[in-house]
């Protein structure tokens, strides 16, 4: 019975360690990305403030202005979801109000809301 408990503990430790596998650093601070278009009417993985908050701060809530905007990563937080904070490469503010926005990296890349230029170049080379 003692060996059974030892075996079960070893199996649990093995699964918990393999569940905490190291994430590959796909994006680092200073990398440039491109904001793509949302899958629907609104961005789901890029955390864009609601229109009423933008208006209250004196901004212009034009969501179309985000499409194909070049951004640079300013902060990366690893956890269950990799959260990135980014700013525009041209130094302007989002909606004339916000210096930075944040996004869920994996969900944004999968849905096409965030585009990593290196991967786009590699995928076009592979298709040729």
C-alpha atoms as a PDB file:
ATOM      1  CA  UNK A   1       0.000   0.000   0.000  1.00  0.00           C
ATOM      2  CA  UNK A   2       2.909   2.294   0.790  1.00  0.00           C
ATOM      3  CA  UNK A   3       4.323   1.739  -2.703  1.00  0.00           C
ATOM      4  CA  UNK A   4       0.940   2.534  -4.256  1.00  0.00           C
ATOM      5  CA  UNK A   5       0.785   5.910  -2.501  1.00  0.00           C
ATOM      6  CA  UNK A   6       4.355   6.681  -3.498  1.00  0.00           C
ATOM      7  CA  UNK A   7       3.570   5.776  -7.104  1.00  0.00           C
ATOM      8  CA  UNK A   8       0.420   7.940  -7.165  1.00  0.00           C
ATOM      9  CA  UNK A   9       2.283  10.914  -5.712  1.00  0.00           C
ATOM     10  CA  UNK A  10       5.035  10.513  -8.310  1.00  0.00           C
ATOM     11  CA  UNK A  11       2.437  10.394 -11.116  1.00  0.00           C
ATOM     12  CA  UNK A  12       0.698  13.521  -9.796  1.00  0.00           C
ATOM     13  CA  UNK A  13       3.987  15.399  -9.562  1.00  0.00           C
ATOM     14  CA  UNK A  14       4.883  14.357 -13.099  1.00  0.00           C
ATOM     15  CA  UNK A  15       1.574  15.609 -14.504  1.00  0.00           C
ATOM     16  CA  UNK A  16       1.712  18.860 -12.572  1.00  0.00           C
ATOM     17  CA  UNK A  17       5.244  19.570 -13.793  1.00  0.00           C
ATOM     18  CA  UNK A  18       4.371  18.739 -17.400  1.00  0.00           C
ATOM     19  CA  UNK A  19       1.303  20.980 -17.093  1.00  0.00           C
ATOM     20  CA  UNK A  20       3.601  23.867 -16.234  1.00  0.00           C
ATOM     21  CA  UNK A  21       5.666  23.595 -19.384  1.00  0.00           C
ATOM     22  CA  UNK A  22       7.684  26.632 -20.297  1.00  0.00           C
ATOM     23  CA  UNK A  23       6.079  28.862 -22.841  1.00  0.00           C
ATOM     24  CA  UNK A  24       8.112  29.701 -25.864  1.00  0.00           C
ATOM     25  CA  UNK A  25       8.802  33.404 -25.908  1.00  0.00           C
ATOM     26  CA  UNK A  26       7.048  34.190 -29.155  1.00  0.00           C
ATOM     27  CA  UNK A  27       6.817  37.891 -28.383  1.00  0.00           C
ATOM     28  CA  UNK A  28       9.210  39.944 -26.283  1.00  0.00           C
ATOM     29  CA  UNK A  29       9.246  43.551 -25.178  1.00  0.00           C
ATOM     30  CA  UNK A  30      10.108  45.746 -28.150  1.00  0.00           C
ATOM     31  CA  UNK A  31       8.685  43.436 -30.826  1.00  0.00           C
ATOM     32  CA  UNK A  32       6.477  44.996 -33.450  1.00  0.00           C
ATOM     33  CA  UNK A  33       3.038  43.581 -34.226  1.00  0.00           C
ATOM     34  CA  UNK A  34       0.119  44.658 -36.379  1.00  0.00           C
ATOM     35  CA  UNK A  35      -3.462  45.059 -35.220  1.00  0.00           C
ATOM     36  CA  UNK A  36      -5.702  43.113 -37.578  1.00  0.00           C
ATOM     37  CA  UNK A  37      -9.424  43.379 -38.017  1.00  0.00           C
ATOM     38  CA  UNK A  38     -11.805  41.884 -35.437  1.00  0.00           C
ATOM     39  CA  UNK A  39     -13.667  38.665 -36.192  1.00  0.00           C
ATOM     40  CA  UNK A  40     -17.011  40.399 -35.600  1.00  0.00           C
ATOM     41  CA  UNK A  41     -17.925  44.008 -34.942  1.00  0.00           C
ATOM     42  CA  UNK A  42     -15.775  44.370 -31.833  1.00  0.00           C
ATOM     43  CA  UNK A  43     -12.377  43.171 -30.688  1.00  0.00           C
ATOM     44  CA  UNK A  44     -12.688  40.234 -28.297  1.00  0.00           C
ATOM     45  CA  UNK A  45      -9.039  39.602 -27.388  1.00  0.00           C
ATOM     46  CA  UNK A  46      -7.739  43.160 -27.647  1.00  0.00           C
ATOM     47  CA  UNK A  47      -9.040  45.051 -24.633  1.00  0.00           C
ATOM     48  CA  UNK A  48     -10.518  48.165 -26.199  1.00  0.00           C
ATOM     49  CA  UNK A  49     -12.399  50.518 -23.848  1.00  0.00           C
ATOM     50  CA  UNK A  50     -16.125  50.869 -24.375  1.00  0.00           C
ATOM     51  CA  UNK A  51     -17.250  53.746 -26.559  1.00  0.00           C
ATOM     52  CA  UNK A  52     -18.847  55.704 -23.709  1.00  0.00           C
ATOM     53  CA  UNK A  53     -15.552  55.734 -21.772  1.00  0.00           C
ATOM     54  CA  UNK A  54     -13.676  56.975 -24.824  1.00  0.00           C
ATOM     55  CA  UNK A  55     -16.216  59.761 -25.359  1.00  0.00           C
ATOM     56  CA  UNK A  56     -16.171  60.780 -21.662  1.00  0.00           C
ATOM     57  CA  UNK A  57     -12.405  61.257 -21.871  1.00  0.00           C
ATOM     58  CA  UNK A  58     -12.747  63.388 -25.002  1.00  0.00           C
ATOM     59  CA  UNK A  59     -11.681  60.828 -27.570  1.00  0.00           C
ATOM     60  CA  UNK A  60     -13.091  59.689 -30.875  1.00  0.00           C
ATOM     61  CA  UNK A  61     -14.364  56.069 -30.761  1.00  0.00           C
ATOM     62  CA  UNK A  62     -13.455  55.132 -34.330  1.00  0.00           C
ATOM     63  CA  UNK A  63     -12.729  51.384 -34.229  1.00  0.00           C
ATOM     64  CA  UNK A  64     -11.767  51.372 -37.907  1.00  0.00           C
ATOM     65  CA  UNK A  65      -8.713  53.468 -37.024  1.00  0.00           C
ATOM     66  CA  UNK A  66      -7.206  50.443 -35.236  1.00  0.00           C
ATOM     67  CA  UNK A  67      -7.120  48.185 -38.296  1.00  0.00           C
ATOM     68  CA  UNK A  68      -3.584  47.643 -39.680  1.00  0.00           C
ATOM     69  CA  UNK A  69      -2.012  49.826 -36.984  1.00  0.00           C
ATOM     70  CA  UNK A  70       1.634  49.030 -36.251  1.00  0.00           C
ATOM     71  CA  UNK A  71       2.202  48.512 -32.529  1.00  0.00           C
ATOM     72  CA  UNK A  72       5.158  47.757 -30.279  1.00  0.00           C
ATOM     73  CA  UNK A  73       4.996  45.520 -27.196  1.00  0.00           C
ATOM     74  CA  UNK A  74       5.808  47.356 -23.951  1.00  0.00           C
ATOM     75  CA  UNK A  75       5.076  44.619 -21.393  1.00  0.00           C
ATOM     76  CA  UNK A  76       4.496  40.844 -21.377  1.00  0.00           C
ATOM     77  CA  UNK A  77       2.832  39.007 -18.467  1.00  0.00           C
ATOM     78  CA  UNK A  78       2.879  35.205 -18.523  1.00  0.00           C
ATOM     79  CA  UNK A  79       0.204  33.219 -16.714  1.00  0.00           C
ATOM     80  CA  UNK A  80      -2.744  31.127 -17.831  1.00  0.00           C
ATOM     81  CA  UNK A  81      -3.039  33.582 -20.690  1.00  0.00           C
ATOM     82  CA  UNK A  82      -0.169  35.660 -21.998  1.00  0.00           C
ATOM     83  CA  UNK A  83      -1.173  39.301 -21.674  1.00  0.00           C
ATOM     84  CA  UNK A  84       0.690  41.968 -23.587  1.00  0.00           C
ATOM     85  CA  UNK A  85       0.588  45.725 -23.252  1.00  0.00           C
ATOM     86  CA  UNK A  86       1.332  47.715 -26.379  1.00  0.00           C
ATOM     87  CA  UNK A  87       1.560  51.222 -27.766  1.00  0.00           C
ATOM     88  CA  UNK A  88       1.559  52.656 -31.276  1.00  0.00           C
ATOM     89  CA  UNK A  89       4.871  52.816 -33.109  1.00  0.00           C
ATOM     90  CA  UNK A  90       4.155  56.316 -34.431  1.00  0.00           C
ATOM     91  CA  UNK A  91       3.812  57.710 -30.882  1.00  0.00           C
ATOM     92  CA  UNK A  92       0.185  58.781 -31.270  1.00  0.00           C
ATOM     93  CA  UNK A  93      -2.499  57.789 -28.776  1.00  0.00           C
ATOM     94  CA  UNK A  94      -5.298  55.311 -29.398  1.00  0.00           C
ATOM     95  CA  UNK A  95      -8.544  57.259 -29.932  1.00  0.00           C
ATOM     96  CA  UNK A  96      -6.567  60.442 -29.023  1.00  0.00           C
ATOM     97  CA  UNK A  97      -6.819  59.382 -25.345  1.00  0.00           C
ATOM     98  CA  UNK A  98      -5.085  56.089 -24.436  1.00  0.00           C
ATOM     99  CA  UNK A  99      -1.298  55.666 -24.630  1.00  0.00           C
ATOM    100  CA  UNK A 100      -1.420  51.885 -24.233  1.00  0.00           C
ATOM    101  CA  UNK A 101      -3.871  49.043 -24.646  1.00  0.00           C
ATOM    102  CA  UNK A 102      -3.587  45.384 -23.675  1.00  0.00           C
ATOM    103  CA  UNK A 103      -4.489  42.074 -25.294  1.00  0.00           C
ATOM    104  CA  UNK A 104      -4.564  38.321 -24.824  1.00  0.00           C
ATOM    105  CA  UNK A 105      -1.708  37.191 -27.066  1.00  0.00           C
ATOM    106  CA  UNK A 106      -2.753  33.609 -27.907  1.00  0.00           C
ATOM    107  CA  UNK A 107      -6.403  34.446 -28.531  1.00  0.00           C
ATOM    108  CA  UNK A 108      -5.540  37.548 -30.522  1.00  0.00           C
ATOM    109  CA  UNK A 109      -3.097  35.735 -32.796  1.00  0.00           C
ATOM    110  CA  UNK A 110      -5.483  32.795 -33.308  1.00  0.00           C
ATOM    111  CA  UNK A 111      -8.411  35.064 -34.202  1.00  0.00           C
ATOM    112  CA  UNK A 112      -6.365  37.379 -36.439  1.00  0.00           C
ATOM    113  CA  UNK A 113      -6.764  40.439 -34.224  1.00  0.00           C
ATOM    114  CA  UNK A 114      -2.980  40.489 -33.679  1.00  0.00           C
ATOM    115  CA  UNK A 115      -0.597  39.713 -36.508  1.00  0.00           C
ATOM    116  CA  UNK A 116       3.017  38.754 -35.885  1.00  0.00           C
ATOM    117  CA  UNK A 117       4.912  39.850 -39.043  1.00  0.00           C
ATOM    118  CA  UNK A 118       7.563  37.075 -38.826  1.00  0.00           C
ATOM    119  CA  UNK A 119       4.884  34.376 -38.882  1.00  0.00           C
ATOM    120  CA  UNK A 120       3.034  36.017 -41.743  1.00  0.00           C
ATOM    121  CA  UNK A 121       6.250  36.014 -43.828  1.00  0.00           C
ATOM    122  CA  UNK A 122       7.003  32.387 -42.949  1.00  0.00           C
ATOM    123  CA  UNK A 123       3.477  31.211 -43.775  1.00  0.00           C
ATOM    124  CA  UNK A 124       3.574  32.893 -47.193  1.00  0.00           C
ATOM    125  CA  UNK A 125       6.974  31.291 -47.918  1.00  0.00           C
ATOM    126  CA  UNK A 126       5.626  27.863 -46.986  1.00  0.00           C
ATOM    127  CA  UNK A 127       2.612  28.224 -49.286  1.00  0.00           C
ATOM    128  CA  UNK A 128       4.784  29.083 -52.292  1.00  0.00           C
END
